[in-house]
């Protein structure tokens, strides 16, 4: 498993699902989503050579729910 990736993916889901935050502070919510998405991209770039092809596919196609399930982080 990739605990750092799982944490990033879970944080992304938490931001997305926080509708109250989105409604209260849409700019802050969007910024948090951008930050966690950039973190996922950076982690993927740094670890790409260590990832199995299926996980690389999920991450490349932004199938983040599938990526999280694939690494057992759900």
C-alpha atoms as a PDB file:
ATOM      1  CA  UNK A   1       0.000   0.000   0.000  1.00  0.00           C
ATOM      2  CA  UNK A   2       0.990   3.597  -0.472  1.00  0.00           C
ATOM      3  CA  UNK A   3      -0.064   5.388   2.730  1.00  0.00           C
ATOM      4  CA  UNK A   4       0.879   8.891   1.601  1.00  0.00           C
ATOM      5  CA  UNK A   5      -1.109   8.494  -1.619  1.00  0.00           C
ATOM      6  CA  UNK A   6      -4.057   7.027   0.278  1.00  0.00           C
ATOM      7  CA  UNK A   7      -4.003  10.035   2.621  1.00  0.00           C
ATOM      8  CA  UNK A   8      -3.981  12.472  -0.301  1.00  0.00           C
ATOM      9  CA  UNK A   9      -6.836  10.658  -2.018  1.00  0.00           C
ATOM     10  CA  UNK A  10      -8.886  10.585   1.183  1.00  0.00           C
ATOM     11  CA  UNK A  11      -8.239  14.289   1.766  1.00  0.00           C
ATOM     12  CA  UNK A  12      -9.457  14.998  -1.769  1.00  0.00           C
ATOM     13  CA  UNK A  13     -12.663  13.070  -1.110  1.00  0.00           C
ATOM     14  CA  UNK A  14     -13.156  14.939   2.163  1.00  0.00           C
ATOM     15  CA  UNK A  15     -12.801  18.309   0.455  1.00  0.00           C
ATOM     16  CA  UNK A  16     -15.171  17.343  -2.343  1.00  0.00           C
ATOM     17  CA  UNK A  17     -17.798  16.065   0.061  1.00  0.00           C
ATOM     18  CA  UNK A  18     -17.724  19.169   2.285  1.00  0.00           C
ATOM     19  CA  UNK A  19     -20.655  20.966   0.705  1.00  0.00           C
ATOM     20  CA  UNK A  20     -21.075  23.329   3.651  1.00  0.00           C
ATOM     21  CA  UNK A  21     -17.507  24.595   3.147  1.00  0.00           C
ATOM     22  CA  UNK A  22     -18.105  24.923  -0.597  1.00  0.00           C
ATOM     23  CA  UNK A  23     -21.299  26.892  -0.002  1.00  0.00           C
ATOM     24  CA  UNK A  24     -19.741  29.099   2.688  1.00  0.00           C
ATOM     25  CA  UNK A  25     -16.350  29.747   1.034  1.00  0.00           C
ATOM     26  CA  UNK A  26     -16.256  28.613  -2.569  1.00  0.00           C
ATOM     27  CA  UNK A  27     -12.852  30.180  -3.258  1.00  0.00           C
ATOM     28  CA  UNK A  28     -11.244  28.561  -0.219  1.00  0.00           C
ATOM     29  CA  UNK A  29     -12.862  25.256  -1.066  1.00  0.00           C
ATOM     30  CA  UNK A  30     -11.582  25.397  -4.645  1.00  0.00           C
ATOM     31  CA  UNK A  31      -8.101  26.346  -3.434  1.00  0.00           C
ATOM     32  CA  UNK A  32      -8.041  23.357  -1.070  1.00  0.00           C
ATOM     33  CA  UNK A  33      -9.134  21.081  -3.897  1.00  0.00           C
ATOM     34  CA  UNK A  34      -6.389  22.481  -6.144  1.00  0.00           C
ATOM     35  CA  UNK A  35      -3.771  21.986  -3.428  1.00  0.00           C
ATOM     36  CA  UNK A  36      -4.650  18.366  -2.757  1.00  0.00           C
ATOM     37  CA  UNK A  37      -4.888  17.653  -6.500  1.00  0.00           C
ATOM     38  CA  UNK A  38      -1.434  19.153  -7.014  1.00  0.00           C
ATOM     39  CA  UNK A  39      -0.179  16.986  -4.164  1.00  0.00           C
ATOM     40  CA  UNK A  40      -1.561  13.879  -5.875  1.00  0.00           C
ATOM     41  CA  UNK A  41       0.091  14.895  -9.145  1.00  0.00           C
ATOM     42  CA  UNK A  42       3.433  15.558  -7.464  1.00  0.00           C
ATOM     43  CA  UNK A  43       3.306  12.264  -5.557  1.00  0.00           C
ATOM     44  CA  UNK A  44       2.471  10.393  -8.758  1.00  0.00           C
ATOM     45  CA  UNK A  45       5.357  11.996 -10.636  1.00  0.00           C
ATOM     46  CA  UNK A  46       7.827  11.193  -7.843  1.00  0.00           C
ATOM     47  CA  UNK A  47       6.692   7.570  -7.490  1.00  0.00           C
ATOM     48  CA  UNK A  48       5.649   6.678 -11.027  1.00  0.00           C
ATOM     49  CA  UNK A  49       8.372   4.077 -11.566  1.00  0.00           C
ATOM     50  CA  UNK A  50       7.284   2.168  -8.433  1.00  0.00           C
ATOM     51  CA  UNK A  51       3.606   1.921  -9.349  1.00  0.00           C
ATOM     52  CA  UNK A  52       1.923  -1.033 -10.966  1.00  0.00           C
ATOM     53  CA  UNK A  53       0.440  -0.354 -14.415  1.00  0.00           C
ATOM     54  CA  UNK A  54      -3.174  -0.392 -13.224  1.00  0.00           C
ATOM     55  CA  UNK A  55      -2.545   2.208 -10.534  1.00  0.00           C
ATOM     56  CA  UNK A  56      -0.613   4.380 -13.005  1.00  0.00           C
ATOM     57  CA  UNK A  57      -3.602   4.131 -15.347  1.00  0.00           C
ATOM     58  CA  UNK A  58      -6.062   5.213 -12.650  1.00  0.00           C
ATOM     59  CA  UNK A  59      -3.908   8.151 -11.593  1.00  0.00           C
ATOM     60  CA  UNK A  60      -3.194   9.259 -15.165  1.00  0.00           C
ATOM     61  CA  UNK A  61      -6.915   9.291 -15.913  1.00  0.00           C
ATOM     62  CA  UNK A  62      -7.842  10.981 -12.609  1.00  0.00           C
ATOM     63  CA  UNK A  63      -9.848   7.931 -11.554  1.00  0.00           C
ATOM     64  CA  UNK A  64      -9.002   8.696  -7.957  1.00  0.00           C
ATOM     65  CA  UNK A  65     -11.774   6.646  -6.357  1.00  0.00           C
ATOM     66  CA  UNK A  66     -10.573   3.612  -8.310  1.00  0.00           C
ATOM     67  CA  UNK A  67      -6.966   4.366  -7.351  1.00  0.00           C
ATOM     68  CA  UNK A  68      -7.906   4.490  -3.675  1.00  0.00           C
ATOM     69  CA  UNK A  69      -9.815   1.211  -3.923  1.00  0.00           C
ATOM     70  CA  UNK A  70      -6.931  -0.364  -5.841  1.00  0.00           C
ATOM     71  CA  UNK A  71      -4.434   0.377  -3.085  1.00  0.00           C
ATOM     72  CA  UNK A  72      -6.838  -0.805  -0.420  1.00  0.00           C
ATOM     73  CA  UNK A  73      -7.359   2.619   1.057  1.00  0.00           C
ATOM     74  CA  UNK A  74     -11.158   2.536   1.031  1.00  0.00           C
END
